[in-house]
Protein backbone atom coordinates (compact mmCIF):
# COMPACT_ATOMS: atom_id res chain seq x y z
CA MET A 1 168.75 152.01 14.90
CA VAL A 2 168.31 148.86 16.99
CA GLU A 3 170.25 146.64 14.80
CA LEU A 4 173.20 149.27 14.53
CA GLU A 5 176.30 147.58 15.74
CA LEU A 6 179.08 149.44 17.54
CA SER A 7 182.55 148.40 15.98
CA ASP A 8 185.52 147.86 18.13
CA THR A 9 187.32 151.02 16.65
CA GLU A 10 184.01 153.01 17.44
CA PHE A 11 183.79 151.54 20.76
CA LYS A 12 187.38 152.60 21.67
CA SER A 13 186.85 156.16 20.24
CA PHE A 14 183.67 156.73 22.59
CA ARG A 15 185.47 155.03 25.56
CA ASP A 16 188.54 157.11 25.27
CA LEU A 17 186.49 160.28 25.00
CA ILE A 18 184.45 159.58 28.04
CA ALA A 19 187.47 158.45 29.94
CA GLU A 20 189.40 161.56 28.79
CA ARG A 21 186.44 164.05 29.96
CA ALA A 22 185.05 162.27 33.02
CA GLY A 23 187.50 159.88 34.18
CA ILE A 24 184.84 156.94 33.54
CA TYR A 25 186.29 153.87 31.76
CA PHE A 26 184.39 151.20 30.12
CA GLU A 27 185.91 147.79 30.04
CA PRO A 28 185.52 145.71 26.80
CA SER A 29 183.10 143.72 28.67
CA LYS A 30 180.93 146.72 28.81
CA GLN A 31 180.97 147.27 24.87
CA ASP A 32 177.26 146.45 24.64
CA LEU A 33 176.00 148.42 27.59
CA LEU A 34 177.82 151.59 26.17
CA ARG A 35 176.27 150.62 22.87
CA THR A 36 172.66 150.70 24.39
CA ASN A 37 173.41 154.05 25.92
CA LEU A 38 174.52 155.63 22.82
CA LEU A 39 171.63 154.40 20.70
CA GLN A 40 169.22 155.90 23.19
CA ARG A 41 170.87 159.44 22.95
CA MET A 42 171.33 159.12 19.16
CA GLU A 43 167.69 158.56 18.92
CA ASP A 44 166.83 161.53 21.19
CA CYS A 45 169.15 163.50 18.87
CA GLY A 46 167.86 162.40 15.58
CA LEU A 47 171.07 160.79 14.48
CA SER A 48 171.34 157.49 12.65
CA ASN A 49 175.10 156.54 12.99
CA PHE A 50 177.57 156.51 15.53
CA ALA A 51 179.99 158.68 13.36
CA ASP A 52 177.86 161.44 13.27
CA TYR A 53 176.99 161.29 17.16
CA PHE A 54 180.82 161.01 17.88
CA GLN A 55 181.27 164.15 15.78
CA LEU A 56 178.61 166.12 17.70
CA LEU A 57 180.21 164.96 21.19
CA SER A 58 183.41 166.18 20.12
CA SER A 59 182.40 169.49 18.83
CA PRO A 60 182.19 172.72 21.03
CA ALA A 61 178.37 172.37 20.66
CA GLY A 62 178.40 168.93 22.04
CA THR A 63 179.10 169.98 25.60
CA LYS A 64 175.52 169.89 26.87
CA GLU A 65 174.83 166.68 24.95
CA PHE A 66 177.88 165.10 26.65
CA ASP A 67 176.28 165.94 29.90
CA HIS A 68 173.03 164.08 28.67
CA LEU A 69 175.09 161.11 27.84
CA LEU A 70 176.84 160.95 31.23
CA ASN A 71 173.40 161.26 33.12
CA LEU A 72 172.50 158.15 31.36
CA ILE A 73 175.59 156.12 31.88
CA ILE A 74 176.18 156.93 35.37
CA ILE A 75 174.08 154.67 37.58
CA PRO A 76 174.04 155.96 41.41
CA GLU A 77 174.02 153.33 44.11
CA THR A 78 173.96 155.10 47.43
CA TYR A 79 172.09 155.45 50.76
CA PHE A 80 172.16 157.32 53.84
CA PHE A 81 175.03 156.27 56.60
CA ARG A 82 176.42 154.04 54.00
CA ASP A 83 179.67 152.36 55.66
CA GLN A 84 178.61 153.34 59.16
CA ALA A 85 182.28 152.82 60.73
CA GLN A 86 183.60 155.87 58.49
CA PHE A 87 180.79 157.93 59.85
CA ASP A 88 181.45 156.87 63.49
CA ALA A 89 185.07 158.01 62.86
CA PHE A 90 183.99 161.30 61.33
CA GLU A 91 181.58 161.86 64.14
CA HIS A 92 183.47 160.87 67.17
CA SER A 93 187.13 161.32 66.17
CA ILE A 94 187.89 163.38 63.10
CA ILE A 95 185.45 166.32 63.81
CA PRO A 96 186.58 166.81 67.41
CA GLU A 97 190.16 166.71 66.44
CA ILE A 98 189.54 169.33 63.60
CA LEU A 99 187.26 171.46 65.96
CA LYS A 100 190.22 171.38 68.72
CA SER A 101 192.55 172.76 66.23
CA GLU A 102 190.27 175.19 64.63
CA SER A 103 189.74 177.17 68.02
CA ASP A 104 190.13 180.63 66.59
CA SER A 105 186.88 182.70 66.43
CA GLY A 106 185.43 182.80 62.93
CA SER A 107 186.98 179.75 61.65
CA SER A 108 184.92 177.59 59.55
CA LEU A 109 184.78 173.83 58.93
CA ARG A 110 184.83 173.03 55.40
CA ILE A 111 183.72 169.51 53.84
CA TRP A 112 183.66 168.53 50.43
CA SER A 113 181.66 165.46 49.17
CA ALA A 114 183.25 164.63 45.62
CA GLY A 115 180.91 162.30 43.76
CA CYS A 116 177.93 163.06 45.73
CA SER A 117 175.24 161.32 43.52
CA THR A 118 171.85 161.88 44.58
CA GLY A 119 172.90 163.49 47.99
CA GLU A 120 172.57 160.78 50.53
CA GLU A 121 176.34 161.10 51.46
CA PRO A 122 176.48 164.99 52.12
CA TYR A 123 173.03 164.88 53.88
CA THR A 124 174.43 162.21 56.20
CA ILE A 125 177.47 164.59 57.02
CA ALA A 126 174.97 167.48 57.68
CA LEU A 127 172.67 165.22 60.00
CA LEU A 128 175.56 164.39 61.97
CA VAL A 129 176.78 168.05 62.23
CA ALA A 130 173.28 169.17 62.93
CA ALA A 131 172.72 166.62 65.60
CA GLY A 132 175.85 167.53 67.39
CA MET A 133 175.53 171.22 67.41
CA GLY A 134 173.75 171.31 70.72
CA SER A 135 176.63 169.86 72.65
CA VAL A 136 179.51 171.09 70.68
CA LYS A 137 180.60 174.43 69.79
CA TYR A 138 180.64 174.37 65.94
CA PRO A 139 182.20 177.12 63.80
CA SER A 140 180.56 178.14 60.71
CA VAL A 141 180.00 174.95 58.46
CA HIS A 142 180.43 174.80 54.72
CA ILE A 143 179.41 171.45 53.13
CA LEU A 144 180.00 171.32 49.43
CA ALA A 145 178.63 168.22 47.16
CA THR A 146 179.64 167.99 43.68
CA ASP A 147 178.95 165.53 40.76
CA VAL A 148 179.14 165.33 37.02
CA SER A 149 175.45 164.25 36.80
CA SER A 150 173.06 167.09 36.48
CA VAL A 151 170.16 164.68 37.03
CA ALA A 152 171.67 163.31 40.30
CA LEU A 153 172.27 166.89 41.49
CA GLU A 154 168.85 167.90 40.74
CA ALA A 155 167.50 164.91 42.72
CA ALA A 156 169.72 165.81 45.58
CA ARG A 157 168.48 169.09 45.74
CA ARG A 158 164.88 167.85 45.95
CA GLY A 159 165.81 165.87 49.09
CA VAL A 160 163.12 163.40 48.65
CA TYR A 161 164.11 159.63 49.13
CA GLY A 162 162.45 156.05 48.94
CA PRO A 163 162.49 153.50 51.59
CA ARG A 164 165.85 151.97 50.59
CA SER A 165 167.62 155.00 50.74
CA VAL A 166 167.01 155.85 54.43
CA ARG A 167 166.83 152.30 55.70
CA ASP A 168 170.11 152.76 57.79
CA VAL A 169 169.00 156.02 59.12
CA PRO A 170 168.91 155.83 63.01
CA LYS A 171 165.37 156.17 64.30
CA GLU A 172 165.75 159.43 66.08
CA TYR A 173 167.15 161.05 63.03
CA LEU A 174 164.33 159.67 60.69
CA ASN A 175 161.84 161.14 63.15
CA ARG A 176 163.53 164.43 63.71
CA PHE A 177 164.76 165.29 60.27
CA PHE A 178 162.32 163.59 57.77
CA SER A 179 158.76 163.87 57.17
CA LYS A 180 157.02 160.99 55.41
CA LYS A 181 154.42 161.48 52.74
CA LYS A 182 152.97 158.32 51.10
CA ASP A 183 155.76 156.19 50.60
CA LYS A 184 158.55 159.14 50.40
CA TYR A 185 160.65 160.53 52.99
CA HIS A 186 161.09 164.52 52.53
CA LEU A 187 164.24 165.87 54.26
CA ASP A 188 163.99 168.90 56.57
CA GLU A 189 164.67 172.14 54.78
CA SER A 190 167.14 172.89 57.55
CA ILE A 191 169.26 170.10 56.51
CA LYS A 192 169.01 170.90 52.93
CA LYS A 193 170.11 174.64 53.38
CA MET A 194 173.32 172.97 55.10
CA VAL A 195 174.71 171.77 51.70
CA GLU A 196 175.67 173.41 48.69
CA PHE A 197 175.31 171.28 45.55
CA SER A 198 177.15 172.16 42.50
CA TYR A 199 178.38 170.46 38.98
CA PHE A 200 182.20 169.59 39.16
CA ASN A 201 184.23 167.06 37.04
CA LEU A 202 187.18 165.59 39.12
CA MET A 203 189.07 165.36 35.68
CA THR A 204 189.36 169.14 35.63
CA GLU A 205 192.89 170.30 36.05
CA PRO A 206 194.10 172.32 37.74
CA TYR A 207 191.50 172.48 40.43
CA PRO A 208 190.08 176.11 40.93
CA LEU A 209 192.40 177.33 43.70
CA LEU A 210 190.04 179.70 45.57
CA GLU A 211 186.89 177.38 45.62
CA MET A 212 188.62 173.73 45.81
CA SER A 213 191.34 174.19 48.37
CA GLY A 214 191.63 174.37 52.14
CA TRP A 215 189.20 171.76 52.70
CA ASP A 216 189.34 170.18 56.32
CA ILE A 217 187.67 166.97 54.94
CA ILE A 218 187.07 165.46 51.72
CA PHE A 219 184.64 162.37 50.95
CA CYS A 220 185.26 160.48 47.74
CA ARG A 221 183.97 156.95 48.15
CA ASN A 222 183.24 154.41 45.44
CA VAL A 223 183.64 157.11 42.58
CA THR A 224 187.50 156.33 41.31
CA ILE A 225 186.64 152.54 40.88
CA TYR A 226 185.20 153.76 37.45
CA PHE A 227 188.58 155.49 36.78
CA GLN A 228 191.73 154.36 35.05
CA HIS A 229 194.92 153.76 37.38
CA GLU A 230 196.52 157.07 35.95
CA SER A 231 193.44 159.15 36.23
CA THR A 232 192.95 158.08 39.71
CA LYS A 233 196.41 158.97 40.71
CA LYS A 234 196.01 162.50 39.50
CA VAL A 235 192.58 162.83 41.18
CA ILE A 236 194.14 161.57 44.59
CA HIS A 237 196.93 164.09 44.19
CA ASN A 238 194.49 167.03 43.43
CA PHE A 239 192.60 166.06 46.63
CA TYR A 240 195.94 166.23 48.70
CA GLN A 241 196.42 169.63 47.14
CA SER A 242 192.95 170.67 48.07
CA LEU A 243 193.19 169.71 51.79
CA ARG A 244 194.58 171.97 54.28
CA PRO A 245 197.63 170.33 56.48
CA GLY A 246 196.04 168.05 58.82
CA GLY A 247 192.97 167.38 56.82
CA TYR A 248 191.58 164.05 56.05
CA LEU A 249 190.42 162.02 52.94
CA PHE A 250 187.80 159.35 53.20
CA ALA A 251 187.86 156.81 50.43
CA GLY A 252 185.66 153.87 49.63
CA TYR A 253 186.65 150.43 51.29
CA SER A 254 187.97 148.95 48.01
CA GLU A 255 189.85 152.16 47.24
CA SER A 256 193.23 151.69 48.71
CA LEU A 257 195.90 154.29 48.07
CA ARG A 258 198.51 151.63 48.24
CA TYR A 259 199.54 152.14 44.53
CA LEU A 260 198.11 155.54 44.06
CA SER A 261 199.71 157.92 46.35
CA ASP A 262 202.76 158.21 49.06
CA GLU A 263 201.76 161.65 50.07
CA PHE A 264 198.91 160.47 52.71
CA THR A 265 199.57 158.93 56.13
CA THR A 266 197.27 155.96 56.75
CA VAL A 267 195.38 156.51 60.00
CA GLN A 268 193.47 153.91 61.94
CA VAL A 269 190.25 155.16 63.71
CA GLY A 270 188.30 152.49 65.36
CA GLY A 271 187.13 149.86 62.95
CA THR A 272 188.15 151.82 59.83
CA PHE A 273 190.86 153.91 58.16
CA VAL A 274 191.31 157.16 56.69
CA TYR A 275 193.82 159.11 54.98
CA LYS A 276 195.60 162.16 56.51
CA LYS A 277 197.57 165.02 55.01
CA GLU A 278 200.20 165.60 57.82
CA PRO A 279 200.87 169.01 58.95
CA ARG A 280 203.89 170.72 57.44
CA GLY A 281 207.23 169.41 58.56
CA LYS A 282 205.99 165.74 59.02
CA SER A 283 206.93 163.01 56.55
CA PRO A 284 204.20 160.27 55.74
CA LYS A 285 206.71 158.29 53.99
CA ARG A 286 208.88 157.92 57.14
CA LYS A 287 205.84 157.16 59.20
CA VAL A 288 204.78 154.43 56.68
CA ARG A 289 208.07 152.97 56.72
CA ARG A 290 208.44 152.68 60.56
CA THR A 291 205.27 150.66 60.65
CA ARG A 292 206.35 148.08 57.87
CA ARG A 293 209.96 147.65 58.54
CA LYS A 294 211.62 146.00 61.47
CA ARG A 295 215.06 146.02 62.24
CA GLY A 296 217.08 142.60 61.09
CA ARG A 297 213.97 141.31 59.30
CA GLN A 298 213.71 141.45 55.57
CA ARG A 299 210.63 140.26 53.87
CA THR A 300 209.96 139.41 50.35
CA PRO A 301 206.55 138.73 48.61
CA ALA A 302 207.89 135.39 47.45
CA SER A 303 206.65 132.30 49.07
CA GLY A 304 210.34 131.01 49.15
CA ARG A 305 213.58 130.95 46.96
CA SER A 306 212.88 130.13 43.45
CA ARG A 307 214.61 127.10 41.91
CA ARG A 308 216.67 129.44 39.80
CA LEU A 309 218.07 131.20 42.55
CA GLU A 310 219.05 128.08 44.41
CA VAL A 311 221.52 126.94 41.79
CA LEU A 312 223.42 130.35 42.08
CA SER A 313 226.55 130.80 43.96
CA ASP A 314 226.59 131.89 47.60
CA GLN A 315 228.14 135.31 46.37
CA ARG A 316 225.28 135.84 43.57
CA VAL A 317 222.68 134.87 46.05
CA ASP A 318 224.06 137.59 48.65
CA GLU A 319 224.49 140.03 45.73
CA THR A 320 220.74 139.61 44.52
CA GLN A 321 219.20 139.57 48.13
CA GLN A 322 220.99 142.90 48.67
CA ILE A 323 219.71 144.38 45.34
CA CYS A 324 216.30 143.28 46.30
CA THR A 325 216.62 144.90 49.76
CA ARG A 326 217.72 148.26 48.30
CA ALA A 327 214.87 148.04 45.62
CA LYS A 328 212.42 147.60 48.16
CA GLU A 329 213.49 150.53 50.05
CA LEU A 330 213.35 152.78 47.14
CA LEU A 331 209.88 151.38 46.52
CA GLU A 332 208.83 152.05 49.75
CA LEU A 333 210.17 155.75 49.61
CA GLY A 334 207.94 156.34 46.69
CA LYS A 335 210.83 155.99 44.13
CA PRO A 336 209.51 153.10 41.66
CA GLU A 337 211.62 154.41 38.73
CA GLN A 338 215.03 154.10 40.54
CA ALA A 339 213.83 150.87 41.97
CA GLY A 340 213.29 149.76 38.40
CA ASP A 341 216.59 150.90 37.28
CA LEU A 342 218.29 149.23 39.92
CA LEU A 343 216.64 145.75 38.84
CA ALA A 344 216.96 146.23 35.13
CA PRO A 345 220.32 144.55 34.75
CA TYR A 346 219.12 141.45 36.77
CA LEU A 347 215.90 141.20 34.84
CA LYS A 348 217.93 140.67 31.41
CA LYS A 349 219.70 137.48 32.81
CA SER A 350 218.10 134.02 32.17
CA THR A 351 218.80 133.19 35.87
CA ALA A 352 216.72 136.19 37.16
CA SER A 353 215.54 135.05 40.42
CA GLU A 354 211.90 134.92 41.48
CA SER A 355 212.44 137.67 44.11
CA VAL A 356 213.45 140.10 41.32
CA LEU A 357 210.77 139.36 38.84
CA LEU A 358 208.08 139.84 41.65
CA LEU A 359 209.73 143.14 42.74
CA GLN A 360 209.73 144.41 39.16
CA ALA A 361 206.01 143.20 38.90
CA GLU A 362 205.22 145.28 41.99
CA ILE A 363 206.91 148.22 40.45
CA PHE A 364 205.04 147.98 37.20
CA LEU A 365 201.77 147.69 39.47
CA ASN A 366 202.73 150.84 41.45
CA GLN A 367 203.18 152.55 38.24
CA GLY A 368 199.98 151.49 36.81
CA ASN A 369 201.59 149.66 33.95
CA LEU A 370 199.21 146.68 34.43
CA GLU A 371 199.87 144.85 31.17
CA LYS A 372 203.74 144.53 31.95
CA ALA A 373 202.77 143.38 35.49
CA VAL A 374 200.59 140.52 34.19
CA GLN A 375 203.40 139.52 31.90
CA LEU A 376 205.94 139.25 34.84
CA CYS A 377 203.58 137.53 36.98
CA GLU A 378 202.94 134.92 34.19
CA ARG A 379 206.46 134.50 33.66
CA ILE A 380 206.99 133.71 37.17
CA ILE A 381 204.00 131.13 37.11
CA ASN A 382 205.34 129.47 34.11
CA TYR A 383 208.55 128.52 35.51
CA GLU A 384 207.29 128.10 39.07
CA PRO A 385 203.55 126.81 38.77
CA LEU A 386 203.50 126.60 42.76
CA SER A 387 204.44 130.42 43.36
CA VAL A 388 202.05 131.50 45.91
CA ALA A 389 203.45 135.18 45.67
CA GLY A 390 203.17 134.97 41.90
CA TYR A 391 199.38 134.24 41.96
CA TYR A 392 198.79 136.66 44.77
CA LEU A 393 200.48 139.51 42.90
CA LEU A 394 198.77 138.48 39.65
CA GLY A 395 195.31 138.88 41.80
CA LEU A 396 195.96 142.37 42.88
CA VAL A 397 196.91 143.36 39.39
CA TYR A 398 193.69 142.20 38.09
CA ARG A 399 191.77 143.84 40.94
CA THR A 400 193.33 146.98 40.16
CA TRP A 401 192.39 146.55 36.65
CA LYS A 402 189.00 146.16 37.62
CA LYS A 403 188.87 142.56 36.19
CA GLU A 404 186.98 141.05 39.24
CA GLY A 405 186.35 137.63 37.92
CA LYS A 406 190.00 137.14 37.01
CA ALA A 407 191.12 138.39 40.44
CA ILE A 408 188.84 136.21 42.09
CA GLU A 409 190.38 133.18 40.26
CA GLU A 410 194.03 134.00 41.21
CA PHE A 411 193.21 134.53 44.81
CA LYS A 412 191.43 131.17 44.84
CA ARG A 413 194.38 129.60 43.41
CA VAL A 414 196.58 131.20 46.31
CA LEU A 415 194.35 129.60 48.83
CA TYR A 416 194.51 126.32 46.91
CA LEU A 417 198.38 126.51 47.64
CA ASN A 418 198.25 128.22 50.96
CA SER A 419 194.76 128.03 52.81
CA GLU A 420 196.35 130.43 55.58
CA HIS A 421 197.07 133.27 53.26
CA ALA A 422 195.19 136.04 55.21
CA LEU A 423 195.51 138.87 52.60
CA ALA A 424 194.12 136.69 49.72
CA ARG A 425 191.02 136.08 52.16
CA PHE A 426 190.69 139.55 52.65
CA ASN A 427 190.88 140.64 48.97
CA LEU A 428 188.35 137.89 48.08
CA GLY A 429 186.13 139.14 50.73
CA ASP A 430 186.16 142.76 49.27
CA LEU A 431 185.83 141.30 45.85
CA TYR A 432 182.80 139.03 46.89
CA SER A 433 181.15 142.07 48.49
CA GLU A 434 181.48 144.00 45.33
CA VAL A 435 179.95 141.36 43.20
CA GLY A 436 176.96 141.01 45.61
CA LYS A 437 178.19 137.49 47.18
CA ARG A 438 177.27 138.70 50.62
CA ASP A 439 177.49 135.46 52.55
CA GLU A 440 180.90 134.57 50.65
CA ALA A 441 182.22 137.95 51.69
CA ARG A 442 181.31 137.49 55.55
CA ILE A 443 182.81 134.09 55.42
CA GLU A 444 186.35 135.25 54.06
CA TYR A 445 186.26 138.33 56.36
CA ALA A 446 185.66 135.87 59.23
CA ASN A 447 188.51 133.71 57.98
CA VAL A 448 190.74 136.54 58.16
CA VAL A 449 190.11 137.44 61.71
CA ARG A 450 190.59 133.85 62.66
CA LEU A 451 193.85 133.53 60.94
CA LEU A 452 195.26 136.67 62.28
CA LYS A 453 194.46 135.70 65.76
CA GLU A 454 195.48 131.98 65.71
CA VAL A 455 198.24 132.32 62.69
CA PRO A 456 200.06 135.54 63.12
CA GLU A 457 202.61 134.45 60.53
CA SER A 458 199.75 134.55 58.03
CA PHE A 459 200.32 138.19 57.80
CA ASP A 460 202.72 139.56 55.19
CA GLU A 461 203.23 143.32 56.01
CA ARG A 462 204.93 144.08 52.51
CA LEU A 463 201.90 143.64 50.52
CA ALA A 464 199.34 144.66 53.14
CA GLY A 465 198.31 148.01 51.62
CA GLY A 466 199.10 150.10 54.73
CA PHE A 467 197.04 147.71 56.95
CA SER A 468 198.49 146.52 60.33
CA PRO A 469 197.04 143.07 61.67
CA THR A 470 195.05 145.01 64.13
CA LEU A 471 193.64 147.47 61.55
CA LEU A 472 192.83 144.53 59.36
CA ILE A 473 190.89 142.68 62.08
CA ASP A 474 188.85 145.67 62.95
CA THR A 475 188.25 146.31 59.24
CA CYS A 476 187.02 142.84 58.80
CA LEU A 477 184.61 142.93 61.86
CA SER A 478 183.40 146.24 60.79
CA ARG A 479 182.56 144.88 57.35
CA ILE A 480 181.04 141.61 58.77
CA LYS A 481 178.68 143.75 60.75
CA GLU A 482 177.64 146.13 57.87
CA LEU A 483 177.07 143.08 55.72
CA SER A 484 174.84 141.62 58.18
CA GLU A 485 172.88 144.76 58.99
CA SER A 486 172.25 145.49 55.33
CA GLY A 487 171.50 141.94 54.27
């Protein structure tokens, strides 16, 4: 059993089955990890080859076994009060706003923690609600916590945690709501009763209308990072449908909705940002456009005009610029297909400009067609090896593709050509944080703050993912603080 090799074909079959059912996608680099997990489950089932195990998982009788496999491959990493800035926004801004709008007697506050793992996130929510009940008039509160791991859910229901999980719990909360027995912290029953734990697969479609709709707040943080682009887009849309008008979605810091949804409005709250489902009659698209576009100023993601564009006639240059301007407007309106149709005739020309190629690459990224986006970026770079915009967009593509190593390489190339590229440094900060390079992450976040204060032109709003300079500075300062406190 130990020597059994998982062929590429078998790997793809298991990978696609897991992605289809649970949304979790294994990159080729994780083939050996998946093989180890499969072998462990095969041994427990008394099976000696991958074909028989795949047949079991694919059969109607394999539902329970698929759950066992999920419990093995999902490695929960979470703790109480993770990403403090988001919980500050939740406690001091979002909850008061929702309570003000829910003034009718008998109304309820409904919060969903999706991908709750072992319970630290929904219990943090419950702690904040419980602590505030003395001074704020709360309606009835319903906190639902869901996950695809039955093992994680069972641990959550027990409510018993080690020192690492409670390391960021404020002392007054620790003393009031926990009891320490030996080296474990037991959560008070009053808090445990506030949270309902249930199995739910985010890939289920459509979401049950009665149970999974009308939420005031949805937390789904560091869950979709394991999903493919199209799967994530579906989940985000389902969250939008599940929220009531005026409701909020909390996503992980590395989970920007830039290329996933144009339905939400990005809202800055203190040192973080959240996503709002605007009340009926308000358009999030128009709001985003007003924050990104300025009269009389047309930005492109290019570092400058390409050499191909410079040899064209003035008339052709004007025509290309007009087409690019219109394509950008369509892209910002959430119409990437129409933008692509507009650019298509210009892409076929041997004199296709850098601006046109970059815009089409951005459209492919928006649509989740990452392979074609890479091809276009490489086409740009092959012609113009000093294209800052080409390397930057390639870094964004690789980051979306969860190829962290390649993304870091491309953003480093950007900084080699332009050390004052604030967005490249911000992305590097996030990537370093994700791979555990905390000191490097702090340095890059600090560089972003310095650049935006000293060199305002280092900020390019077109590819800023909904950030404003002020929001980017606040976010970096918040992340520096979190890295310092948790390190």
